[in-house]
Amino acid sequence: MSGFVLQQQNTEAEAQPKDKIRRLVWKMCIATLILMAIGSATRVMNAGLACPDWPLCYGELIPAKQMNLQVFLEWFHRLDAALIGISAIALASISFWYRRHLPNWVPWASAFALFLIVFQGVLGGLTVTQLLRFDIVTAHLGTALLFFTTLLIIGTALAPYQGTGTAGKLPWIGFTAAIFVYGQSLLGAIVGSRWALHQCFAGYQLCGVMYSHILGLVPPTIAILAVVLITWRTPALHPALRRLANMAGSLLILQIFLGIATFRLHLQVEPLTVLHQAIGATLLGTLIVFTVLALRDVALNNEVSLHSANTLLNSTSSQTAESN
């Protein structure tokens, strides 16, 4: 009885750090998604250089005298990034402090997230000082998405989940779809940062860049449809995986409609462009969560198979010993 109570206390002690980290990570995920949406709004509203200096804005922490919509977007974008940076420091510190109660990889993943946010800050400064150079702007978004996915992996891996062991090859299909969506997001960033759509319509320049983003829609669409179809055809699959697959399919349809709308309206409706980028990031996040849960499902199946094999081996050994 005392051993059971002690084991239960140890389990509760291990669960508390996981809960703290998971709650912090989910809050950071929401803040990062908002940060990327604000960054997109900053770009489409031509506010990327609204604050001509960095890290301050007009040499002040709060540029009250110069404040307008464009300055506010750029200033709030930096403020949100700073808060996320502080949260990343807290995440890494808590992870290493409670490392005995966590999987070995969690502290290192938290440290990697901290590295990414520091690198993101450097890219943010270069974005201003290099006058919105397209390759730096694209790397800025790419790093933000990588930071976002790292947080999602940590949070999903620490979340309570009891799989059914039926995921099969779904983790690899989901991961492939996520890679394609990430690449498509980078292509979209290049199109936006080079204003390729405007230049193509105005003077038939950079049309190749624009069409690469349009044609780049094909691989992620096929991969996401494969995730949805295989999920529907897989019996006894965990309901969470089915919901995530359906969500990915719905987001894909919405993203295609938003892409068509922004194309036909020549990026003249800024909220549509911002929503297009935000839905793309949400779609990527959905696929990442799906992939991590599917991997946990496969790991459970492997554990069950290994346990069954060991039981059979022990039974066979016992029978052999008795016959001798």
Protein backbone atom coordinates (compact mmCIF):
# COMPACT_ATOMS: atom_id res chain seq x y z
CA MET A 1 0.00 0.00 0.00
CA SER A 2 2.78 2.42 0.91
CA GLY A 3 4.57 1.57 -2.33
CA PHE A 4 1.45 2.40 -4.33
CA VAL A 5 1.05 5.74 -2.54
CA LEU A 6 4.72 6.57 -3.14
CA GLN A 7 4.42 5.70 -6.82
CA GLN A 8 1.32 7.88 -7.12
CA GLN A 9 3.11 10.80 -5.46
CA ASN A 10 6.05 10.44 -7.86
CA THR A 11 3.67 10.40 -10.82
CA GLU A 12 1.96 13.58 -9.60
CA ALA A 13 5.34 15.25 -9.01
CA GLU A 14 6.37 14.47 -12.60
CA ALA A 15 3.02 15.66 -13.98
CA GLN A 16 3.24 19.12 -12.41
CA PRO A 17 6.32 20.34 -14.37
CA LYS A 18 4.80 18.91 -17.57
CA ASP A 19 1.57 20.80 -16.95
CA LYS A 20 3.45 24.06 -16.30
CA ILE A 21 5.53 23.73 -19.43
CA ARG A 22 2.57 22.67 -21.55
CA ARG A 23 0.45 25.64 -20.45
CA LEU A 24 3.33 28.04 -21.11
CA VAL A 25 4.00 26.51 -24.52
CA TRP A 26 0.36 26.78 -25.65
CA LYS A 27 0.28 30.45 -24.64
CA MET A 28 3.48 31.03 -26.58
CA CYS A 29 1.98 29.26 -29.61
CA ILE A 30 -1.02 31.61 -29.61
CA ALA A 31 1.25 34.65 -29.19
CA THR A 32 3.47 33.45 -32.05
CA LEU A 33 0.50 32.95 -34.35
CA ILE A 34 -0.65 36.49 -33.54
CA LEU A 35 2.90 37.74 -34.09
CA MET A 36 3.01 36.24 -37.58
CA ALA A 37 -0.39 37.71 -38.43
CA ILE A 38 0.76 41.16 -37.26
CA GLY A 39 3.96 40.73 -39.25
CA SER A 40 1.88 40.00 -42.34
CA ALA A 41 -0.28 43.07 -41.66
CA THR A 42 2.88 45.13 -41.25
CA ARG A 43 4.07 44.03 -44.69
CA VAL A 44 0.81 44.54 -46.60
CA MET A 45 0.27 47.93 -44.94
CA ASN A 46 3.79 49.04 -45.95
CA ALA A 47 4.67 49.48 -42.28
CA GLY A 48 7.88 47.47 -42.26
CA LEU A 49 9.97 50.63 -42.04
CA ALA A 50 7.48 52.67 -40.01
CA CYS A 51 10.05 52.59 -37.21
CA PRO A 52 13.27 53.65 -38.93
CA ASP A 53 15.55 52.45 -36.13
CA TRP A 54 15.92 49.23 -34.14
CA PRO A 55 15.33 47.97 -31.46
CA LEU A 56 13.70 51.24 -30.33
CA CYS A 57 11.20 53.16 -32.43
CA TYR A 58 12.19 56.75 -33.16
CA GLY A 59 14.66 56.36 -30.31
CA GLU A 60 11.89 55.69 -27.79
CA LEU A 61 10.35 52.68 -26.15
CA ILE A 62 6.86 54.03 -26.90
CA PRO A 63 6.85 56.55 -29.78
CA ALA A 64 3.75 58.45 -28.65
CA LYS A 65 4.37 61.53 -30.81
CA GLN A 66 4.84 59.58 -34.06
CA MET A 67 2.11 56.99 -33.36
CA ASN A 68 -0.21 56.17 -36.25
CA LEU A 69 -1.56 52.90 -37.66
CA GLN A 70 1.65 51.96 -39.46
CA VAL A 71 3.92 52.86 -36.54
CA PHE A 72 1.59 51.02 -34.16
CA LEU A 73 1.74 47.82 -36.26
CA GLU A 74 5.53 47.80 -36.37
CA TRP A 75 5.85 48.81 -32.71
CA PHE A 76 3.33 46.20 -31.51
CA HIS A 77 5.02 43.58 -33.66
CA ARG A 78 8.28 44.23 -31.82
CA LEU A 79 6.53 44.30 -28.44
CA ASP A 80 4.90 40.91 -29.04
CA ALA A 81 8.24 39.50 -30.19
CA ALA A 82 9.94 40.78 -27.03
CA LEU A 83 7.30 39.16 -24.82
CA ILE A 84 7.71 35.87 -26.66
CA GLY A 85 11.48 36.16 -26.21
CA ILE A 86 11.06 36.56 -22.44
CA SER A 87 8.71 33.57 -22.44
CA ALA A 88 11.28 31.51 -24.36
CA ILE A 89 13.89 32.29 -21.70
CA ALA A 90 11.41 31.20 -19.02
CA LEU A 91 10.60 28.01 -20.95
CA ALA A 92 14.26 27.02 -21.27
CA SER A 93 14.95 27.83 -17.62
CA ILE A 94 11.98 25.83 -16.32
CA SER A 95 12.78 22.90 -18.60
CA PHE A 96 16.36 22.62 -17.35
CA TRP A 97 15.30 23.17 -13.73
CA TYR A 98 12.78 20.29 -13.90
CA ARG A 99 14.80 18.16 -16.31
CA ARG A 100 14.68 15.13 -13.97
CA HIS A 101 10.89 15.03 -14.30
CA LEU A 102 10.83 15.51 -18.06
CA PRO A 103 11.82 13.48 -21.13
CA ASN A 104 15.50 14.03 -21.88
CA TRP A 105 14.81 15.84 -25.15
CA VAL A 106 12.51 18.54 -23.71
CA PRO A 107 15.22 20.83 -22.22
CA TRP A 108 17.19 20.69 -25.46
CA ALA A 109 14.10 21.39 -27.54
CA SER A 110 13.39 24.39 -25.28
CA ALA A 111 16.97 25.59 -25.72
CA PHE A 112 16.57 25.22 -29.50
CA ALA A 113 13.39 27.32 -29.32
CA LEU A 114 15.30 29.98 -27.40
CA PHE A 115 18.04 29.96 -30.03
CA LEU A 116 15.44 30.39 -32.77
CA ILE A 117 13.82 33.38 -31.08
CA VAL A 118 17.21 35.04 -30.58
CA PHE A 119 18.06 34.40 -34.22
CA GLN A 120 14.62 35.73 -35.14
CA GLY A 121 15.39 38.94 -33.28
CA VAL A 122 18.60 39.35 -35.25
CA LEU A 123 16.69 38.82 -38.49
CA GLY A 124 14.11 41.37 -37.36
CA GLY A 125 16.83 43.95 -36.86
CA LEU A 126 18.35 43.14 -40.25
CA THR A 127 14.93 43.44 -41.86
CA VAL A 128 14.87 47.11 -40.83
CA THR A 129 18.54 47.97 -41.33
CA GLN A 130 18.66 46.22 -44.73
CA LEU A 131 15.46 47.97 -45.88
CA LEU A 132 13.20 44.91 -46.17
CA ARG A 133 15.55 42.82 -48.31
CA PHE A 134 13.40 39.97 -49.61
CA ASP A 135 15.71 37.11 -48.61
CA ILE A 136 15.92 38.40 -45.02
CA VAL A 137 12.15 38.89 -44.88
CA THR A 138 11.65 35.32 -46.12
CA ALA A 139 14.13 33.94 -43.59
CA HIS A 140 12.33 35.98 -40.92
CA LEU A 141 9.03 34.20 -41.63
CA GLY A 142 10.71 30.82 -42.09
CA THR A 143 12.36 31.07 -38.67
CA ALA A 144 9.06 32.14 -37.08
CA LEU A 145 7.31 29.09 -38.53
CA LEU A 146 10.13 26.83 -37.34
CA PHE A 147 9.86 28.34 -33.84
CA PHE A 148 6.09 27.84 -33.96
CA THR A 149 6.41 24.17 -34.94
CA THR A 150 9.03 23.56 -32.23
CA LEU A 151 6.63 24.85 -29.59
CA LEU A 152 3.83 22.72 -30.99
CA ILE A 153 6.00 19.60 -30.88
CA ILE A 154 6.87 20.22 -27.23
CA GLY A 155 3.28 20.94 -26.22
CA THR A 156 1.77 18.02 -28.14
CA ALA A 157 4.37 15.54 -26.93
CA LEU A 158 3.66 16.48 -23.30
CA ALA A 159 -0.13 16.46 -23.67
CA PRO A 160 -2.15 13.54 -22.24
CA TYR A 161 -2.86 11.07 -25.04
CA GLN A 162 -3.69 7.39 -25.17
CA GLY A 163 -3.49 6.16 -28.73
CA THR A 164 -5.08 3.09 -30.26
CA GLY A 165 -1.99 1.82 -32.07
CA THR A 166 -3.62 1.98 -35.52
CA ALA A 167 -1.93 5.04 -37.09
CA GLY A 168 0.30 2.96 -39.37
CA LYS A 169 2.04 5.21 -41.92
CA LEU A 170 0.03 8.32 -41.08
CA PRO A 171 2.94 10.00 -39.21
CA TRP A 172 5.10 10.01 -42.32
CA ILE A 173 2.29 11.17 -44.59
CA GLY A 174 1.44 13.95 -42.13
CA PHE A 175 5.10 14.95 -41.87
CA THR A 176 5.42 15.04 -45.66
CA ALA A 177 2.35 17.28 -45.89
CA ALA A 178 3.80 19.58 -43.21
CA ILE A 179 7.09 19.88 -45.14
CA PHE A 180 5.21 20.79 -48.32
CA VAL A 181 3.11 23.40 -46.50
CA TYR A 182 6.26 24.89 -44.94
CA GLY A 183 7.88 25.15 -48.37
CA GLN A 184 4.74 26.69 -49.84
CA SER A 185 4.72 29.25 -47.02
CA LEU A 186 8.28 30.24 -47.88
CA LEU A 187 7.32 30.62 -51.55
CA GLY A 188 4.44 32.82 -50.45
CA ALA A 189 6.85 34.91 -48.39
CA ILE A 190 9.08 35.39 -51.44
CA VAL A 191 6.09 36.44 -53.55
CA GLY A 192 4.99 38.92 -50.89
CA SER A 193 8.40 40.34 -50.04
CA ARG A 194 9.23 40.92 -53.72
CA TRP A 195 5.74 42.17 -54.53
CA ALA A 196 5.78 39.67 -57.39
CA LEU A 197 2.02 39.72 -57.93
CA HIS A 198 1.91 43.49 -58.33
CA GLN A 199 4.95 43.52 -60.62
CA CYS A 200 3.61 40.71 -62.77
CA PHE A 201 0.26 42.43 -63.29
CA ALA A 202 1.85 45.84 -63.79
CA GLY A 203 4.75 45.01 -66.10
CA TYR A 204 4.98 41.23 -66.48
CA GLN A 205 7.99 41.06 -64.19
CA LEU A 206 8.62 38.31 -61.64
CA CYS A 207 5.72 36.31 -63.05
CA GLY A 208 7.83 33.17 -62.64
CA VAL A 209 8.06 33.81 -58.91
CA MET A 210 4.30 34.26 -58.69
CA TYR A 211 3.51 31.14 -60.72
CA SER A 212 5.93 29.06 -58.68
CA HIS A 213 3.75 29.78 -55.64
CA ILE A 214 0.60 28.88 -57.56
CA LEU A 215 2.04 25.61 -58.89
CA GLY A 216 3.57 24.93 -55.48
CA LEU A 217 0.04 24.41 -54.19
CA VAL A 218 -0.16 21.00 -55.88
CA PRO A 219 2.18 18.90 -53.66
CA PRO A 220 0.75 20.01 -50.28
CA THR A 221 -2.81 19.62 -51.61
CA ILE A 222 -2.16 16.03 -52.68
CA ALA A 223 -0.41 15.23 -49.39
CA ILE A 224 -3.18 16.74 -47.23
CA LEU A 225 -5.88 14.94 -49.22
CA ALA A 226 -3.93 11.71 -48.66
CA VAL A 227 -3.90 12.40 -44.91
CA VAL A 228 -7.66 12.96 -44.90
CA LEU A 229 -8.53 9.94 -47.07
CA ILE A 230 -6.25 7.50 -45.24
CA THR A 231 -7.53 8.78 -41.91
CA TRP A 232 -11.11 8.11 -43.00
CA ARG A 233 -10.17 4.60 -44.19
CA THR A 234 -8.22 3.64 -41.05
CA PRO A 235 -10.42 1.72 -38.59
CA ALA A 236 -10.32 2.28 -34.81
CA LEU A 237 -8.26 5.45 -35.20
CA HIS A 238 -8.15 7.83 -32.26
CA PRO A 239 -10.88 10.54 -32.58
CA ALA A 240 -8.30 13.30 -32.08
CA LEU A 241 -6.46 12.23 -35.23
CA ARG A 242 -9.70 12.18 -37.21
CA ARG A 243 -10.61 15.66 -36.01
CA LEU A 244 -7.17 17.02 -36.86
CA ALA A 245 -7.27 15.46 -40.32
CA ASN A 246 -10.72 16.95 -40.97
CA MET A 247 -9.47 20.30 -39.70
CA ALA A 248 -6.48 20.15 -42.06
CA GLY A 249 -8.79 19.40 -44.99
CA SER A 250 -11.10 22.29 -44.09
CA LEU A 251 -8.19 24.70 -43.68
CA LEU A 252 -6.84 23.61 -47.07
CA ILE A 253 -10.16 24.42 -48.77
CA LEU A 254 -10.34 27.79 -46.99
CA GLN A 255 -6.72 28.55 -47.90
CA ILE A 256 -7.35 27.81 -51.58
CA PHE A 257 -10.38 30.11 -51.65
CA LEU A 258 -8.40 32.86 -49.89
CA GLY A 259 -5.56 32.43 -52.37
CA ILE A 260 -7.93 32.73 -55.32
CA ALA A 261 -9.57 35.79 -53.77
CA THR A 262 -6.29 37.58 -53.07
CA PHE A 263 -5.10 36.78 -56.60
CA ARG A 264 -8.23 38.05 -58.33
CA LEU A 265 -8.35 41.15 -56.14
CA HIS A 266 -4.64 41.86 -56.80
CA LEU A 267 -3.85 41.97 -53.05
CA GLN A 268 -5.97 45.11 -52.72
CA VAL A 269 -7.92 43.80 -49.70
CA GLU A 270 -5.33 43.70 -46.91
CA PRO A 271 -7.35 41.62 -44.39
CA LEU A 272 -7.67 38.81 -46.94
CA THR A 273 -3.90 38.74 -47.44
CA VAL A 274 -3.26 38.69 -43.68
CA LEU A 275 -5.85 35.93 -43.20
CA HIS A 276 -4.26 33.95 -46.04
CA GLN A 277 -0.92 33.92 -44.22
CA ALA A 278 -2.50 33.19 -40.83
CA ILE A 279 -4.51 30.24 -42.17
CA GLY A 280 -1.35 28.87 -43.79
CA ALA A 281 0.46 28.95 -40.44
CA THR A 282 -2.56 27.35 -38.73
CA LEU A 283 -2.64 24.61 -41.36
CA LEU A 284 1.05 23.91 -40.78
CA GLY A 285 0.47 23.77 -37.03
CA THR A 286 -2.46 21.38 -37.44
CA LEU A 287 -0.33 18.99 -39.49
CA ILE A 288 2.49 19.16 -36.93
CA VAL A 289 0.13 18.28 -34.07
CA PHE A 290 -1.36 15.47 -36.17
CA THR A 291 2.08 14.08 -36.94
CA VAL A 292 3.26 14.12 -33.32
CA LEU A 293 0.11 12.40 -32.05
CA ALA A 294 0.31 9.82 -34.85
CA LEU A 295 3.94 9.13 -33.91
CA ARG A 296 2.86 8.61 -30.29
CA ASP A 297 0.19 6.23 -31.58
CA VAL A 298 2.77 4.22 -33.53
CA ALA A 299 5.11 4.20 -30.52
CA LEU A 300 2.31 2.75 -28.40
CA ASN A 301 1.73 0.03 -30.99
CA ASN A 302 5.44 -0.82 -30.95
CA GLU A 303 5.42 -1.00 -27.16
CA VAL A 304 2.42 -3.32 -27.18
CA SER A 305 4.03 -5.53 -29.82
CA LEU A 306 7.28 -5.66 -27.85
CA HIS A 307 5.43 -6.50 -24.64
CA SER A 308 3.50 -9.27 -26.43
CA ALA A 309 6.71 -10.68 -27.89
CA ASN A 310 8.39 -10.69 -24.47
CA THR A 311 5.37 -12.36 -22.89
CA LEU A 312 5.34 -15.03 -25.57
CA LEU A 313 9.08 -15.56 -25.20
CA ASN A 314 8.81 -15.89 -21.42
CA SER A 315 5.91 -18.30 -21.77
CA THR A 316 7.82 -20.42 -24.25
CA SER A 317 10.89 -20.44 -21.99
CA SER A 318 8.78 -21.50 -19.00
CA GLN A 319 7.17 -24.32 -20.94
CA THR A 320 10.58 -25.53 -22.15
CA ALA A 321 11.95 -25.46 -18.60
CA GLU A 322 8.98 -27.44 -17.28
CA SER A 323 9.27 -30.07 -20.00
CA ASN A 324 12.95 -30.53 -19.18
